[in-house]
Amino acid sequence: MLHHRVPVTIAPGDFDCWLDCRADNAEAAMALLTPRQEGEFAWHEVSTRVNRVVNDDAQLILPITAEEMAAEEPKPAKRASQRKPVPVTSEDDGQGSLF
């Protein structure tokens, strides 16, 4: 699935103008942004490991196979045990106690 925020591009001839921070003209800067051209980007599915900042390696940008993707699918979470409610006594005015 492609993310809905697909990047725009800046033509190589416009790099200097885009990076020149002395100009303060938003309209001129926005005019440099163009939608992607056919064949400009290569699209492929990647590992869900990209979603964790602790992962930082070249494998993150490589295409992932269907088998690798199936192996990454999250395991069902264990159900948390139900906690028994602590009875309220008249001594604590309904505030409960940590002790």
PDB file of N, CA and C in Angstrom:
ATOM      1  N   MET A   1       0.840  -1.176   0.000  1.00  0.00           N
ATOM      2  CA  MET A   1       0.000   0.000   0.000  1.00  0.00           C
ATOM      3  C   MET A   1       0.888   1.243   0.000  1.00  0.00           C
ATOM      4  N   LEU A   2       0.599   2.174  -0.863  1.00  0.00           N
ATOM      5  CA  LEU A   2       1.354   3.427  -0.897  1.00  0.00           C
ATOM      6  C   LEU A   2       0.803   4.376   0.153  1.00  0.00           C
ATOM      7  N   HIS A   3       1.703   5.081   0.780  1.00  0.00           N
ATOM      8  CA  HIS A   3       1.287   6.077   1.763  1.00  0.00           C
ATOM      9  C   HIS A   3       0.633   7.235   1.019  1.00  0.00           C
ATOM     10  N   HIS A   4      -0.362   7.848   1.610  1.00  0.00           N
ATOM     11  CA  HIS A   4      -1.077   8.939   0.949  1.00  0.00           C
ATOM     12  C   HIS A   4      -0.234  10.204   0.810  1.00  0.00           C
ATOM     13  N   ARG A   5       0.876  10.290   1.522  1.00  0.00           N
ATOM     14  CA  ARG A   5       1.742  11.467   1.405  1.00  0.00           C
ATOM     15  C   ARG A   5       2.916  11.147   0.479  1.00  0.00           C
ATOM     16  N   VAL A   6       2.624  10.949  -0.785  1.00  0.00           N
ATOM     17  CA  VAL A   6       3.666  10.682  -1.770  1.00  0.00           C
ATOM     18  C   VAL A   6       4.456  11.981  -1.964  1.00  0.00           C
ATOM     19  N   PRO A   7       5.771  11.903  -2.002  1.00  0.00           N
ATOM     20  CA  PRO A   7       6.568  13.135  -2.086  1.00  0.00           C
ATOM     21  C   PRO A   7       6.440  13.840  -3.435  1.00  0.00           C
ATOM     22  N   VAL A   8       6.622  15.143  -3.387  1.00  0.00           N
ATOM     23  CA  VAL A   8       6.755  15.916  -4.619  1.00  0.00           C
ATOM     24  C   VAL A   8       8.240  15.978  -4.947  1.00  0.00           C
ATOM     25  N   THR A   9       8.561  16.442  -6.122  1.00  0.00           N
ATOM     26  CA  THR A   9       9.958  16.501  -6.516  1.00  0.00           C
ATOM     27  C   THR A   9      10.348  17.913  -6.921  1.00  0.00           C
ATOM     28  N   ILE A  10      11.634  18.130  -6.952  1.00  0.00           N
ATOM     29  CA  ILE A  10      12.203  19.390  -7.421  1.00  0.00           C
ATOM     30  C   ILE A  10      13.181  19.033  -8.529  1.00  0.00           C
ATOM     31  N   ALA A  11      13.031  19.666  -9.667  1.00  0.00           N
ATOM     32  CA  ALA A  11      13.912  19.381 -10.803  1.00  0.00           C
ATOM     33  C   ALA A  11      15.353  19.726 -10.433  1.00  0.00           C
ATOM     34  N   PRO A  12      16.325  18.930 -10.891  1.00  0.00           N
ATOM     35  CA  PRO A  12      17.731  19.213 -10.574  1.00  0.00           C
ATOM     36  C   PRO A  12      18.153  20.642 -10.907  1.00  0.00           C
ATOM     37  N   GLY A  13      17.613  21.211 -11.944  1.00  0.00           N
ATOM     38  CA  GLY A  13      17.958  22.587 -12.302  1.00  0.00           C
ATOM     39  C   GLY A  13      17.450  23.613 -11.307  1.00  0.00           C
ATOM     40  N   ASP A  14      16.519  23.221 -10.444  1.00  0.00           N
ATOM     41  CA  ASP A  14      15.941  24.129  -9.450  1.00  0.00           C
ATOM     42  C   ASP A  14      16.515  23.940  -8.048  1.00  0.00           C
ATOM     43  N   PHE A  15      17.469  23.020  -7.894  1.00  0.00           N
ATOM     44  CA  PHE A  15      18.037  22.756  -6.571  1.00  0.00           C
ATOM     45  C   PHE A  15      18.601  24.017  -5.923  1.00  0.00           C
ATOM     46  N   ASP A  16      19.407  24.775  -6.656  1.00  0.00           N
ATOM     47  CA  ASP A  16      20.041  25.972  -6.076  1.00  0.00           C
ATOM     48  C   ASP A  16      18.988  26.973  -5.602  1.00  0.00           C
ATOM     49  N   CYS A  17      17.964  27.162  -6.412  1.00  0.00           N
ATOM     50  CA  CYS A  17      16.901  28.100  -6.041  1.00  0.00           C
ATOM     51  C   CYS A  17      16.168  27.607  -4.789  1.00  0.00           C
ATOM     52  N   TRP A  18      15.890  26.315  -4.712  1.00  0.00           N
ATOM     53  CA  TRP A  18      15.186  25.734  -3.565  1.00  0.00           C
ATOM     54  C   TRP A  18      16.002  25.876  -2.287  1.00  0.00           C
ATOM     55  N   LEU A  19      17.301  25.680  -2.395  1.00  0.00           N
ATOM     56  CA  LEU A  19      18.162  25.726  -1.220  1.00  0.00           C
ATOM     57  C   LEU A  19      18.598  27.129  -0.827  1.00  0.00           C
ATOM     58  N   ASP A  20      18.343  28.112  -1.672  1.00  0.00           N
ATOM     59  CA  ASP A  20      18.719  29.491  -1.388  1.00  0.00           C
ATOM     60  C   ASP A  20      17.733  30.093  -0.389  1.00  0.00           C
ATOM     61  N   CYS A  21      18.148  30.188   0.856  1.00  0.00           N
ATOM     62  CA  CYS A  21      17.259  30.671   1.918  1.00  0.00           C
ATOM     63  C   CYS A  21      17.199  32.193   1.999  1.00  0.00           C
ATOM     64  N   ARG A  22      17.944  32.873   1.163  1.00  0.00           N
ATOM     65  CA  ARG A  22      17.910  34.339   1.203  1.00  0.00           C
ATOM     66  C   ARG A  22      16.598  34.867   0.636  1.00  0.00           C
ATOM     67  N   ALA A  23      16.044  34.169  -0.322  1.00  0.00           N
ATOM     68  CA  ALA A  23      14.760  34.586  -0.889  1.00  0.00           C
ATOM     69  C   ALA A  23      13.658  34.175   0.079  1.00  0.00           C
ATOM     70  N   ASP A  24      12.685  35.023   0.264  1.00  0.00           N
ATOM     71  CA  ASP A  24      11.608  34.738   1.199  1.00  0.00           C
ATOM     72  C   ASP A  24      10.277  34.826   0.460  1.00  0.00           C
ATOM     73  N   ASN A  25      10.166  34.047  -0.636  1.00  0.00           N
ATOM     74  CA  ASN A  25       8.984  34.105  -1.464  1.00  0.00           C
ATOM     75  C   ASN A  25       8.370  32.707  -1.533  1.00  0.00           C
ATOM     76  N   ALA A  26       7.337  32.488  -0.745  1.00  0.00           N
ATOM     77  CA  ALA A  26       6.707  31.164  -0.666  1.00  0.00           C
ATOM     78  C   ALA A  26       6.101  30.750  -2.003  1.00  0.00           C
ATOM     79  N   GLU A  27       5.513  31.681  -2.729  1.00  0.00           N
ATOM     80  CA  GLU A  27       4.902  31.342  -4.018  1.00  0.00           C
ATOM     81  C   GLU A  27       5.946  30.844  -5.004  1.00  0.00           C
ATOM     82  N   ALA A  28       7.102  31.485  -5.031  1.00  0.00           N
ATOM     83  CA  ALA A  28       8.171  31.054  -5.942  1.00  0.00           C
ATOM     84  C   ALA A  28       8.683  29.679  -5.540  1.00  0.00           C
ATOM     85  N   ALA A  29       8.798  29.430  -4.231  1.00  0.00           N
ATOM     86  CA  ALA A  29       9.265  28.127  -3.755  1.00  0.00           C
ATOM     87  C   ALA A  29       8.250  27.038  -4.084  1.00  0.00           C
ATOM     88  N   MET A  30       6.970  27.308  -3.888  1.00  0.00           N
ATOM     89  CA  MET A  30       5.930  26.325  -4.173  1.00  0.00           C
ATOM     90  C   MET A  30       5.867  25.992  -5.663  1.00  0.00           C
ATOM     91  N   ALA A  31       6.191  26.951  -6.512  1.00  0.00           N
ATOM     92  CA  ALA A  31       6.166  26.712  -7.960  1.00  0.00           C
ATOM     93  C   ALA A  31       7.231  25.695  -8.372  1.00  0.00           C
ATOM     94  N   LEU A  32       8.257  25.507  -7.543  1.00  0.00           N
ATOM     95  CA  LEU A  32       9.320  24.556  -7.863  1.00  0.00           C
ATOM     96  C   LEU A  32       8.890  23.108  -7.607  1.00  0.00           C
ATOM     97  N   LEU A  33       7.868  22.912  -6.780  1.00  0.00           N
ATOM     98  CA  LEU A  33       7.416  21.573  -6.432  1.00  0.00           C
ATOM     99  C   LEU A  33       6.561  21.004  -7.561  1.00  0.00           C
ATOM    100  N   THR A  34       6.919  19.821  -8.006  1.00  0.00           N
ATOM    101  CA  THR A  34       6.179  19.195  -9.098  1.00  0.00           C
ATOM    102  C   THR A  34       5.777  17.785  -8.704  1.00  0.00           C
ATOM    103  N   PRO A  35       4.644  17.293  -9.233  1.00  0.00           N
ATOM    104  CA  PRO A  35       4.282  15.904  -8.946  1.00  0.00           C
ATOM    105  C   PRO A  35       5.279  14.960  -9.608  1.00  0.00           C
ATOM    106  N   ARG A  36       5.359  13.762  -9.098  1.00  0.00           N
ATOM    107  CA  ARG A  36       6.313  12.800  -9.647  1.00  0.00           C
ATOM    108  C   ARG A  36       6.017  12.519 -11.106  1.00  0.00           C
ATOM    109  N   GLN A  37       7.041  12.260 -11.853  1.00  0.00           N
ATOM    110  CA  GLN A  37       6.900  11.876 -13.254  1.00  0.00           C
ATOM    111  C   GLN A  37       6.888  10.360 -13.351  1.00  0.00           C
ATOM    112  N   GLU A  38       6.255   9.826 -14.352  1.00  0.00           N
ATOM    113  CA  GLU A  38       6.189   8.377 -14.543  1.00  0.00           C
ATOM    114  C   GLU A  38       7.600   7.804 -14.574  1.00  0.00           C
ATOM    115  N   GLY A  39       7.838   6.785 -13.766  1.00  0.00           N
ATOM    116  CA  GLY A  39       9.150   6.138 -13.719  1.00  0.00           C
ATOM    117  C   GLY A  39      10.172   6.832 -12.850  1.00  0.00           C
ATOM    118  N   GLU A  40       9.792   7.926 -12.191  1.00  0.00           N
ATOM    119  CA  GLU A  40      10.747   8.675 -11.363  1.00  0.00           C
ATOM    120  C   GLU A  40      11.079   7.951 -10.063  1.00  0.00           C
ATOM    121  N   PHE A  41      10.109   7.248  -9.498  1.00  0.00           N
ATOM    122  CA  PHE A  41      10.317   6.511  -8.261  1.00  0.00           C
ATOM    123  C   PHE A  41      10.105   5.024  -8.502  1.00  0.00           C
ATOM    124  N   ALA A  42      10.793   4.215  -7.725  1.00  0.00           N
ATOM    125  CA  ALA A  42      10.569   2.769  -7.744  1.00  0.00           C
ATOM    126  C   ALA A  42       9.751   2.436  -6.499  1.00  0.00           C
ATOM    127  N   TRP A  43       8.604   1.780  -6.669  1.00  0.00           N
ATOM    128  CA  TRP A  43       7.729   1.447  -5.561  1.00  0.00           C
ATOM    129  C   TRP A  43       7.826  -0.038  -5.269  1.00  0.00           C
ATOM    130  N   HIS A  44       8.036  -0.391  -4.030  1.00  0.00           N
ATOM    131  CA  HIS A  44       8.011  -1.790  -3.620  1.00  0.00           C
ATOM    132  C   HIS A  44       7.712  -1.870  -2.122  1.00  0.00           C
ATOM    133  N   GLU A  45       7.148  -3.003  -1.715  1.00  0.00           N
ATOM    134  CA  GLU A  45       6.833  -3.183  -0.303  1.00  0.00           C
ATOM    135  C   GLU A  45       8.116  -3.424   0.476  1.00  0.00           C
ATOM    136  N   VAL A  46       8.152  -2.868   1.683  1.00  0.00           N
ATOM    137  CA  VAL A  46       9.315  -3.024   2.553  1.00  0.00           C
ATOM    138  C   VAL A  46       8.868  -3.631   3.878  1.00  0.00           C
ATOM    139  N   SER A  47       9.813  -4.005   4.668  1.00  0.00           N
ATOM    140  CA  SER A  47       9.552  -4.626   5.962  1.00  0.00           C
ATOM    141  C   SER A  47       8.832  -3.668   6.901  1.00  0.00           C
ATOM    142  N   THR A  48       8.008  -4.217   7.761  1.00  0.00           N
ATOM    143  CA  THR A  48       7.371  -3.391   8.790  1.00  0.00           C
ATOM    144  C   THR A  48       8.386  -2.944   9.839  1.00  0.00           C
ATOM    145  N   ARG A  49       9.607  -3.439   9.735  1.00  0.00           N
ATOM    146  CA  ARG A  49      10.668  -3.002  10.650  1.00  0.00           C
ATOM    147  C   ARG A  49      10.941  -1.507  10.497  1.00  0.00           C
ATOM    148  N   VAL A  50      10.527  -0.901   9.383  1.00  0.00           N
ATOM    149  CA  VAL A  50      10.748   0.534   9.189  1.00  0.00           C
ATOM    150  C   VAL A  50       9.988   1.364  10.216  1.00  0.00           C
ATOM    151  N   ASN A  51       9.018   0.756  10.874  1.00  0.00           N
ATOM    152  CA  ASN A  51       8.191   1.485  11.832  1.00  0.00           C
ATOM    153  C   ASN A  51       8.819   1.640  13.214  1.00  0.00           C
ATOM    154  N   ARG A  52      10.009   1.113  13.410  1.00  0.00           N
ATOM    155  CA  ARG A  52      10.666   1.222  14.717  1.00  0.00           C
ATOM    156  C   ARG A  52      12.003   1.940  14.544  1.00  0.00           C
ATOM    157  N   VAL A  53      12.213   2.998  15.295  1.00  0.00           N
ATOM    158  CA  VAL A  53      13.428   3.799  15.161  1.00  0.00           C
ATOM    159  C   VAL A  53      14.683   3.044  15.564  1.00  0.00           C
ATOM    160  N   VAL A  54      14.547   1.983  16.353  1.00  0.00           N
ATOM    161  CA  VAL A  54      15.732   1.218  16.748  1.00  0.00           C
ATOM    162  C   VAL A  54      16.322   0.446  15.562  1.00  0.00           C
ATOM    163  N   ASN A  55      15.519   0.217  14.533  1.00  0.00           N
ATOM    164  CA  ASN A  55      15.996  -0.459  13.331  1.00  0.00           C
ATOM    165  C   ASN A  55      16.600   0.570  12.394  1.00  0.00           C
ATOM    166  N   ASP A  56      17.860   0.398  12.064  1.00  0.00           N
ATOM    167  CA  ASP A  56      18.542   1.360  11.198  1.00  0.00           C
ATOM    168  C   ASP A  56      19.595   0.620  10.379  1.00  0.00           C
ATOM    169  N   ASP A  57      19.142  -0.019   9.325  1.00  0.00           N
ATOM    170  CA  ASP A  57      20.082  -0.747   8.480  1.00  0.00           C
ATOM    171  C   ASP A  57      19.601  -0.712   7.038  1.00  0.00           C
ATOM    172  N   ALA A  58      20.478  -1.089   6.125  1.00  0.00           N
ATOM    173  CA  ALA A  58      20.193  -1.017   4.693  1.00  0.00           C
ATOM    174  C   ALA A  58      19.066  -1.949   4.269  1.00  0.00           C
ATOM    175  N   GLN A  59      18.795  -2.993   5.029  1.00  0.00           N
ATOM    176  CA  GLN A  59      17.733  -3.936   4.685  1.00  0.00           C
ATOM    177  C   GLN A  59      16.350  -3.264   4.680  1.00  0.00           C
ATOM    178  N   LEU A  60      16.219  -2.156   5.382  1.00  0.00           N
ATOM    179  CA  LEU A  60      14.917  -1.502   5.494  1.00  0.00           C
ATOM    180  C   LEU A  60      14.392  -0.976   4.164  1.00  0.00           C
ATOM    181  N   ILE A  61      15.259  -0.678   3.231  1.00  0.00           N
ATOM    182  CA  ILE A  61      14.807  -0.127   1.957  1.00  0.00           C
ATOM    183  C   ILE A  61      14.728  -1.163   0.848  1.00  0.00           C
ATOM    184  N   LEU A  62      15.088  -2.400   1.152  1.00  0.00           N
ATOM    185  CA  LEU A  62      15.039  -3.457   0.147  1.00  0.00           C
ATOM    186  C   LEU A  62      13.636  -4.030   0.030  1.00  0.00           C
ATOM    187  N   PRO A  63      13.267  -4.500  -1.164  1.00  0.00           N
ATOM    188  CA  PRO A  63      11.950  -5.130  -1.311  1.00  0.00           C
ATOM    189  C   PRO A  63      11.832  -6.341  -0.391  1.00  0.00           C
ATOM    190  N   ILE A  64      10.610  -6.619   0.055  1.00  0.00           N
ATOM    191  CA  ILE A  64      10.362  -7.754   0.938  1.00  0.00           C
ATOM    192  C   ILE A  64       9.497  -8.767   0.185  1.00  0.00           C
ATOM    193  N   THR A  65       9.779 -10.034   0.386  1.00  0.00           N
ATOM    194  CA  THR A  65       9.003 -11.085  -0.275  1.00  0.00           C
ATOM    195  C   THR A  65       7.744 -11.366   0.523  1.00  0.00           C
ATOM    196  N   ALA A  66       6.791 -12.055  -0.104  1.00  0.00           N
ATOM    197  CA  ALA A  66       5.542 -12.412   0.576  1.00  0.00           C
ATOM    198  C   ALA A  66       5.825 -13.311   1.774  1.00  0.00           C
ATOM    199  N   GLU A  67       6.804 -14.206   1.652  1.00  0.00           N
ATOM    200  CA  GLU A  67       7.153 -15.097   2.760  1.00  0.00           C
ATOM    201  C   GLU A  67       7.713 -14.306   3.937  1.00  0.00           C
ATOM    202  N   GLU A  68       8.592 -13.340   3.641  1.00  0.00           N
ATOM    203  CA  GLU A  68       9.163 -12.518   4.714  1.00  0.00           C
ATOM    204  C   GLU A  68       8.075 -11.679   5.383  1.00  0.00           C
ATOM    205  N   MET A  69       7.144 -11.180   4.575  1.00  0.00           N
ATOM    206  CA  MET A  69       6.074 -10.361   5.126  1.00  0.00           C
ATOM    207  C   MET A  69       5.188 -11.202   6.044  1.00  0.00           C
ATOM    208  N   ALA A  70       4.878 -12.433   5.636  1.00  0.00           N
ATOM    209  CA  ALA A  70       4.044 -13.311   6.467  1.00  0.00           C
ATOM    210  C   ALA A  70       4.741 -13.615   7.786  1.00  0.00           C
ATOM    211  N   ALA A  71       6.059 -13.767   7.752  1.00  0.00           N
ATOM    212  CA  ALA A  71       6.806 -14.056   8.977  1.00  0.00           C
ATOM    213  C   ALA A  71       6.807 -12.865   9.930  1.00  0.00           C
ATOM    214  N   GLU A  72       6.631 -11.665   9.409  1.00  0.00           N
ATOM    215  CA  GLU A  72       6.637 -10.459  10.243  1.00  0.00           C
ATOM    216  C   GLU A  72       5.285 -10.142  10.855  1.00  0.00           C
ATOM    217  N   GLU A  73       4.232 -10.802  10.407  1.00  0.00           N
ATOM    218  CA  GLU A  73       2.906 -10.476  10.917  1.00  0.00           C
ATOM    219  C   GLU A  73       2.880 -10.630  12.429  1.00  0.00           C
ATOM    220  N   PRO A  74       2.256  -9.671  13.100  1.00  0.00           N
ATOM    221  CA  PRO A  74       2.249  -9.699  14.567  1.00  0.00           C
ATOM    222  C   PRO A  74       1.513 -10.920  15.105  1.00  0.00           C
ATOM    223  N   LYS A  75       2.036 -11.435  16.190  1.00  0.00           N
ATOM    224  CA  LYS A  75       1.409 -12.552  16.890  1.00  0.00           C
ATOM    225  C   LYS A  75       0.269 -11.996  17.739  1.00  0.00           C
ATOM    226  N   PRO A  76      -0.789 -12.781  17.949  1.00  0.00           N
ATOM    227  CA  PRO A  76      -1.876 -12.286  18.801  1.00  0.00           C
ATOM    228  C   PRO A  76      -1.356 -11.967  20.203  1.00  0.00           C
ATOM    229  N   ALA A  77      -1.785 -10.841  20.726  1.00  0.00           N
ATOM    230  CA  ALA A  77      -1.348 -10.424  22.060  1.00  0.00           C
ATOM    231  C   ALA A  77      -2.007 -11.295  23.121  1.00  0.00           C
ATOM    232  N   LYS A  78      -1.273 -11.536  24.194  1.00  0.00           N
ATOM    233  CA  LYS A  78      -1.842 -12.277  25.310  1.00  0.00           C
ATOM    234  C   LYS A  78      -2.872 -11.403  25.998  1.00  0.00           C
ATOM    235  N   ARG A  79      -3.931 -12.034  26.438  1.00  0.00           N
ATOM    236  CA  ARG A  79      -4.954 -11.288  27.165  1.00  0.00           C
ATOM    237  C   ARG A  79      -4.450 -10.943  28.549  1.00  0.00           C
ATOM    238  N   ALA A  80      -4.682  -9.741  28.933  1.00  0.00           N
ATOM    239  CA  ALA A  80      -4.307  -9.326  30.292  1.00  0.00           C
ATOM    240  C   ALA A  80      -5.254  -9.989  31.276  1.00  0.00           C
ATOM    241  N   SER A  81      -4.716 -10.380  32.409  1.00  0.00           N
ATOM    242  CA  SER A  81      -5.570 -11.013  33.420  1.00  0.00           C
ATOM    243  C   SER A  81      -6.510  -9.969  34.007  1.00  0.00           C
ATOM    244  N   GLN A  82      -7.703 -10.429  34.301  1.00  0.00           N
ATOM    245  CA  GLN A  82      -8.701  -9.533  34.870  1.00  0.00           C
ATOM    246  C   GLN A  82      -8.345  -9.225  36.316  1.00  0.00           C
ATOM    247  N   ARG A  83      -8.413  -7.952  36.674  1.00  0.00           N
ATOM    248  CA  ARG A  83      -8.138  -7.546  38.045  1.00  0.00           C
ATOM    249  C   ARG A  83      -9.441  -7.543  38.817  1.00  0.00           C
ATOM    250  N   LYS A  84      -9.378  -8.033  40.019  1.00  0.00           N
ATOM    251  CA  LYS A  84     -10.556  -8.046  40.877  1.00  0.00           C
ATOM    252  C   LYS A  84     -10.713  -6.667  41.502  1.00  0.00           C
ATOM    253  N   PRO A  85     -11.929  -6.149  41.521  1.00  0.00           N
ATOM    254  CA  PRO A  85     -12.128  -4.829  42.140  1.00  0.00           C
ATOM    255  C   PRO A  85     -11.882  -4.895  43.644  1.00  0.00           C
ATOM    256  N   VAL A  86     -11.295  -3.829  44.153  1.00  0.00           N
ATOM    257  CA  VAL A  86     -11.028  -3.731  45.584  1.00  0.00           C
ATOM    258  C   VAL A  86     -12.273  -3.163  46.245  1.00  0.00           C
ATOM    259  N   PRO A  87     -12.759  -3.836  47.266  1.00  0.00           N
ATOM    260  CA  PRO A  87     -13.974  -3.327  47.918  1.00  0.00           C
ATOM    261  C   PRO A  87     -13.711  -1.987  48.601  1.00  0.00           C
ATOM    262  N   VAL A  88     -14.678  -1.119  48.514  1.00  0.00           N
ATOM    263  CA  VAL A  88     -14.581   0.197  49.148  1.00  0.00           C
ATOM    264  C   VAL A  88     -15.113   0.072  50.569  1.00  0.00           C
ATOM    265  N   THR A  89     -14.345   0.599  51.519  1.00  0.00           N
ATOM    266  CA  THR A  89     -14.791   0.563  52.912  1.00  0.00           C
ATOM    267  C   THR A  89     -15.255   1.948  53.311  1.00  0.00           C
ATOM    268  N   SER A  90     -16.020   2.006  54.366  1.00  0.00           N
ATOM    269  CA  SER A  90     -16.528   3.300  54.826  1.00  0.00           C
ATOM    270  C   SER A  90     -15.416   4.173  55.395  1.00  0.00           C
ATOM    271  N   GLU A  91     -14.282   3.581  55.751  1.00  0.00           N
ATOM    272  CA  GLU A  91     -13.182   4.340  56.363  1.00  0.00           C
ATOM    273  C   GLU A  91     -12.491   5.273  55.364  1.00  0.00           C
ATOM    274  N   ASP A  92     -12.517   4.945  54.059  1.00  0.00           N
ATOM    275  CA  ASP A  92     -11.735   5.748  53.097  1.00  0.00           C
ATOM    276  C   ASP A  92     -12.579   6.771  52.328  1.00  0.00           C
ATOM    277  N   ASP A  93     -13.805   6.972  52.703  1.00  0.00           N
ATOM    278  CA  ASP A  93     -14.696   7.951  52.085  1.00  0.00           C
ATOM    279  C   ASP A  93     -14.818   7.747  50.564  1.00  0.00           C
ATOM    280  N   GLY A  94     -14.690   6.521  50.101  1.00  0.00           N
ATOM    281  CA  GLY A  94     -14.829   6.248  48.679  1.00  0.00           C
ATOM    282  C   GLY A  94     -13.607   6.592  47.846  1.00  0.00           C
ATOM    283  N   GLN A  95     -12.511   6.997  48.491  1.00  0.00           N
ATOM    284  CA  GLN A  95     -11.318   7.406  47.771  1.00  0.00           C
ATOM    285  C   GLN A  95     -10.418   6.229  47.408  1.00  0.00           C
ATOM    286  N   GLY A  96     -10.566   5.111  48.058  1.00  0.00           N
ATOM    287  CA  GLY A  96      -9.685   3.979  47.810  1.00  0.00           C
ATOM    288  C   GLY A  96      -8.347   4.191  48.496  1.00  0.00           C
ATOM    289  N   SER A  97      -7.506   3.182  48.453  1.00  0.00           N
ATOM    290  CA  SER A  97      -6.219   3.280  49.114  1.00  0.00           C
ATOM    291  C   SER A  97      -5.187   2.500  48.336  1.00  0.00           C
ATOM    292  N   LEU A  98      -3.986   2.988  48.322  1.00  0.00           N
ATOM    293  CA  LEU A  98      -2.895   2.259  47.662  1.00  0.00           C
ATOM    294  C   LEU A  98      -2.209   1.319  48.633  1.00  0.00           C
ATOM    295  N   PHE A  99      -2.573   1.373  49.899  1.00  0.00           N
ATOM    296  CA  PHE A  99      -1.880   0.586  50.922  1.00  0.00           C
ATOM    297  C   PHE A  99      -2.800  -0.414  51.564  1.00  0.00           C
TER     298      PHE A  99
END
